[in-house]
Structure formats: C-alpha cells, structure tokens
Protein backbone atom coordinates (compact mmCIF):
# COMPACT_ATOMS: atom_id res chain seq x y z
CA MET A 1 12.33 -44.04 -28.49
CA LYS A 2 10.41 -42.66 -31.45
CA TYR A 3 6.96 -41.28 -30.68
CA THR A 4 4.27 -42.76 -32.96
CA GLY A 5 1.13 -41.61 -31.15
CA SER A 6 -1.32 -38.81 -31.87
CA ASP A 7 0.10 -35.32 -32.44
CA TRP A 8 -3.14 -33.93 -31.02
CA LYS A 9 -2.90 -35.88 -27.73
CA ARG A 10 0.74 -34.90 -27.37
CA SER A 11 -0.09 -31.23 -27.92
CA ARG A 12 -2.88 -31.35 -25.36
CA ARG A 13 -0.57 -33.04 -22.85
CA LEU A 14 1.99 -30.26 -23.29
CA GLY A 15 -0.60 -27.48 -23.50
CA PHE A 16 1.11 -26.31 -26.70
CA SER A 17 0.30 -26.65 -30.41
CA THR A 18 3.24 -28.63 -31.80
CA LEU A 19 1.65 -28.33 -35.27
CA GLU A 20 1.63 -24.52 -34.90
CA THR A 21 -2.03 -24.35 -35.98
CA GLY A 22 -3.71 -24.19 -32.58
CA LYS A 23 -6.34 -26.67 -33.80
CA GLU A 24 -5.27 -29.35 -31.33
CA LEU A 25 -6.22 -27.13 -28.38
CA ALA A 26 -9.18 -25.24 -29.84
CA LYS A 27 -11.95 -27.53 -28.59
CA ARG A 28 -10.24 -29.20 -25.64
CA PRO A 29 -7.47 -27.03 -24.18
CA TYR A 30 -6.58 -29.54 -21.49
CA GLY A 31 -4.73 -32.84 -21.14
CA PRO A 32 -6.02 -36.05 -22.75
CA GLY A 33 -7.78 -38.79 -20.83
CA GLN A 34 -10.79 -39.10 -18.57
CA HIS A 35 -9.46 -36.67 -15.96
CA GLY A 36 -7.55 -34.35 -18.27
CA ALA A 37 -9.78 -31.34 -17.63
CA ASN A 38 -9.42 -31.64 -13.86
CA ARG A 39 -5.71 -32.35 -13.69
CA ARG A 40 -3.87 -29.51 -11.95
CA LYS A 41 -0.32 -30.67 -11.40
CA LYS A 42 2.17 -28.15 -10.08
CA ASN A 43 5.50 -28.67 -11.77
CA SER A 44 8.93 -28.29 -10.20
CA GLU A 45 11.51 -26.07 -11.89
CA TYR A 46 12.99 -29.17 -13.50
CA GLY A 47 9.50 -30.21 -14.64
CA LYS A 48 8.93 -26.83 -16.26
CA GLN A 49 12.29 -27.05 -18.03
CA LEU A 50 11.49 -30.54 -19.28
CA ILE A 51 8.13 -29.40 -20.65
CA GLU A 52 9.73 -26.50 -22.55
CA LYS A 53 12.29 -28.90 -24.03
CA GLN A 54 9.56 -31.34 -25.05
CA LYS A 55 7.48 -28.58 -26.62
CA LEU A 56 10.33 -27.53 -28.87
CA ARG A 57 11.55 -31.05 -29.61
CA HIS A 58 8.11 -32.30 -30.59
CA MET A 59 7.33 -29.19 -32.60
CA TYR A 60 10.32 -29.90 -34.85
CA GLY A 61 9.91 -33.68 -34.64
CA VAL A 62 13.52 -34.28 -33.66
CA ASN A 63 14.70 -37.27 -31.64
CA GLU A 64 16.55 -36.69 -28.37
CA ARG A 65 20.01 -37.54 -29.72
CA GLN A 66 19.73 -35.09 -32.62
CA PHE A 67 18.15 -32.46 -30.39
CA ARG A 68 21.01 -32.62 -27.90
CA ARG A 69 23.62 -32.58 -30.67
CA LEU A 70 22.15 -29.36 -32.09
CA PHE A 71 22.05 -27.85 -28.61
CA MET A 72 25.76 -28.56 -28.15
CA ILE A 73 26.52 -26.86 -31.49
CA ALA A 74 24.47 -23.83 -30.37
CA LEU A 75 26.24 -23.81 -27.00
CA ALA A 76 29.63 -23.66 -28.72
CA SER A 77 28.58 -20.72 -30.92
CA LYS A 78 29.19 -17.08 -30.02
CA GLU A 79 25.48 -16.28 -30.20
CA VAL A 80 22.85 -16.41 -27.47
CA THR A 81 22.46 -20.17 -27.00
CA GLY A 82 18.67 -20.44 -27.01
CA TYR A 83 18.18 -18.38 -30.16
CA ALA A 84 21.12 -20.06 -31.93
CA PHE A 85 19.53 -23.41 -31.09
CA MET A 86 16.18 -22.43 -32.57
CA LYS A 87 17.87 -21.11 -35.73
CA LEU A 88 19.60 -24.46 -36.18
CA LEU A 89 16.29 -26.28 -35.86
CA GLU A 90 14.76 -23.94 -38.44
CA SER A 91 17.59 -24.58 -40.90
CA ARG A 92 17.05 -28.36 -41.03
CA LEU A 93 16.09 -29.60 -44.49
CA ASP A 94 12.82 -31.19 -43.36
CA ASN A 95 11.76 -27.98 -41.64
CA LEU A 96 12.53 -25.84 -44.70
CA VAL A 97 10.55 -28.21 -46.95
CA TYR A 98 7.67 -27.69 -44.51
CA ARG A 99 8.15 -23.91 -44.30
CA MET A 100 8.14 -23.68 -48.10
CA GLY A 101 4.73 -25.33 -48.15
CA PHE A 102 5.67 -28.55 -49.93
CA ALA A 103 4.23 -30.55 -47.02
CA ARG A 104 1.46 -29.82 -44.54
CA THR A 105 3.44 -31.07 -41.55
CA ARG A 106 7.08 -31.60 -40.67
CA ARG A 107 6.39 -35.32 -40.53
CA GLY A 108 5.15 -35.15 -44.12
CA ALA A 109 8.21 -33.12 -45.08
CA ARG A 110 10.51 -35.78 -43.59
CA GLN A 111 8.77 -38.42 -45.68
CA LEU A 112 9.30 -36.41 -48.86
CA VAL A 113 12.99 -36.08 -48.06
CA ASN A 114 13.41 -39.71 -46.96
CA HIS A 115 11.76 -40.98 -50.13
CA GLY A 116 14.13 -39.04 -52.36
CA HIS A 117 11.71 -36.41 -53.70
CA VAL A 118 13.87 -33.41 -52.74
CA GLU A 119 16.99 -31.77 -54.15
CA VAL A 120 19.26 -29.16 -52.59
CA ASN A 121 21.24 -26.99 -54.99
CA GLY A 122 20.38 -29.39 -57.81
CA LYS A 123 21.48 -32.58 -56.06
CA LYS A 124 19.29 -35.22 -54.43
CA LEU A 125 19.47 -35.06 -50.64
CA ASP A 126 17.55 -37.62 -48.57
CA ILE A 127 18.77 -36.64 -45.09
CA PRO A 128 15.99 -34.73 -43.25
CA SER A 129 18.40 -33.55 -40.53
CA ALA A 130 20.82 -31.89 -42.98
CA ILE A 131 21.54 -28.30 -41.93
CA LEU A 132 21.17 -25.83 -44.79
CA LYS A 133 22.80 -22.45 -45.24
CA VAL A 134 21.23 -19.16 -46.26
CA GLY A 135 21.20 -19.09 -50.06
CA ASP A 136 20.59 -22.81 -50.53
CA ILE A 137 17.94 -23.83 -53.06
CA VAL A 138 15.43 -26.55 -52.15
CA SER A 139 13.40 -28.05 -54.98
CA ILE A 140 11.16 -30.99 -55.75
CA ARG A 141 12.82 -33.46 -58.11
CA GLU A 142 11.54 -33.46 -61.68
CA ASN A 143 9.96 -36.92 -61.54
CA SER A 144 8.22 -36.06 -58.25
CA LYS A 145 6.56 -32.79 -59.30
CA GLY A 146 3.27 -34.51 -60.07
CA LEU A 147 2.78 -35.75 -56.51
CA LYS A 148 -0.76 -34.95 -55.39
CA VAL A 149 0.30 -34.47 -51.76
CA ILE A 150 2.59 -31.56 -52.70
CA LYS A 151 -0.07 -29.75 -54.73
CA GLU A 152 -2.65 -30.22 -51.97
CA SER A 153 -0.22 -28.83 -49.41
CA LEU A 154 0.62 -25.73 -51.48
CA ASP A 155 -3.10 -25.13 -52.12
CA SER A 156 -3.92 -25.36 -48.40
CA ILE A 157 -1.28 -22.95 -47.09
CA ALA A 158 -2.28 -19.29 -47.20
CA THR A 159 1.08 -17.72 -46.33
CA LYS A 160 4.67 -18.92 -46.47
CA ALA A 161 7.36 -18.15 -43.93
CA GLY A 162 9.13 -14.83 -44.46
CA TRP A 163 12.60 -16.37 -44.44
CA VAL A 164 11.99 -18.49 -47.55
CA ASP A 165 11.15 -17.48 -51.11
CA VAL A 166 9.04 -20.00 -53.05
CA ASP A 167 8.39 -20.40 -56.78
CA VAL A 168 5.18 -22.44 -56.82
CA GLU A 169 5.32 -23.04 -60.59
CA LYS A 170 8.84 -24.50 -60.45
CA LEU A 171 8.28 -26.17 -57.06
CA SER A 172 11.46 -24.61 -55.83
CA GLY A 173 12.35 -22.43 -52.87
CA LYS A 174 15.29 -20.47 -51.55
CA TYR A 175 16.39 -20.11 -47.94
CA ILE A 176 16.85 -16.34 -48.09
CA ARG A 177 17.67 -15.37 -44.49
CA GLU A 178 17.85 -16.60 -40.92
CA VAL A 179 14.63 -16.59 -38.95
CA GLU A 180 14.16 -13.81 -36.39
CA ARG A 181 13.16 -14.71 -32.85
CA ASN A 182 9.90 -12.77 -33.02
CA GLU A 183 8.85 -14.93 -35.98
CA LEU A 184 8.96 -18.09 -33.88
CA PRO A 185 6.40 -19.20 -31.25
CA GLN A 186 6.49 -16.79 -28.35
CA ASP A 187 5.14 -19.35 -25.88
CA ILE A 188 8.41 -21.29 -25.87
CA THR A 189 10.88 -20.14 -23.23
CA GLU A 190 14.23 -21.18 -24.64
CA SER A 191 16.08 -20.10 -21.49
CA GLN A 192 14.34 -22.97 -19.68
CA ILE A 193 15.69 -25.39 -22.28
CA VAL A 194 19.19 -23.99 -21.82
CA GLU A 195 18.85 -24.50 -18.07
CA TYR A 196 17.62 -28.07 -18.63
CA TYR A 197 20.73 -29.01 -20.58
CA ASN A 198 23.04 -27.08 -18.27
CA ARG A 199 21.89 -29.46 -15.52
CA LYS A 200 23.06 -32.36 -17.67
CA LEU A 201 26.51 -31.01 -18.52
C-alpha cells in the first residue's frame, strides 16, 4: 500500500529524517500524536530490524515489492549485501535526479521522471526505478528546461552529492562514481535490514 501521509509525521514516528534534512525532528524529536513525547516502547530484535528497513525504504520512497527485489539483487552480488543494497538504491533514476538538485525531494524527482521531463543518455526515460550505471548522463528535456520547480530546487540546494557532476547551465548531470558508505546516513544499520530479510527467506 502506497503511503500518502505526511513525511514529517513518518520521520517522527521512525525517529529518523527520511528527507535527510533533520528539519522534521528539529522542534519535536519524538513520535506524533498526543502521547508521542511520553511513548517509550521497547522494541524486540525483529521490531528493531523492521524499523531500520522502514527508515531506508521511506528515505528512498520505494514500495515494498521494489525494495525486496533490489535486496535480492544485492544478496546475489559478490559484495557486502547491505552496502550493495544501498548502492542500488542510490543508482535509481529518481534518486539521481534528486541528488543532482533538479528536485527538492525524491518524491518531486519521481514526478519529474513520471511526467516525461527527464532524459538518460539523450533518450526520454520515464521509469523512476530504472537503475543507472556509472557514466550515464541525466538531463532535463529541452522543452522542460523552463520549469520553475527545477530552477527553484537548484537555487535552494547549497551542495550537490559528490558522486554526481552537474552542469547547472545545461541542466544536465553525470553519474560519475558509486557512492561510498561514509557518504550515506550513518544512523542506518544495514546489517539489521539484512537480518530482517534473512528471516523471510
């Protein structure tokens, strides 16, 4: 089931900034609702694993079916499963559009892709979940370059991710290298997510 509620409430429920800004937790770093500040629930190991999975899944805005599919690809790779999984999530088209600064949020990036405003290597690609390879070029289509939302996003973002190279004038970016683990949120324990799915296999 697709989540359509508030990103801020979800972040507070998880105790984790899914928008990666920290703003959701700055004023009220506790769960939503009347008793959110007083709620002290002790989680089981399974509960902790579930929370870690939800933190990562909601951060990237991926539904459960896609999330599990990417995990299975990572599991079959020769790399450390948790890190391989996070690299796959980072290489999704919607995420790279977001990392390049063309959208303020991943949700906004998905809309740009879904609405046909994005090209990859010179060809229109409207599948947000498409996995890109290092060296791929992501650009805003010519007839979409005047979109106000893209300019506002680029103006609002101070720094771009180190694994993409962006030409603001051309509204184009290149996926130049894989992300390193220390460049991703440190308060996600991917080993817990691996354990969660191992229970299901």
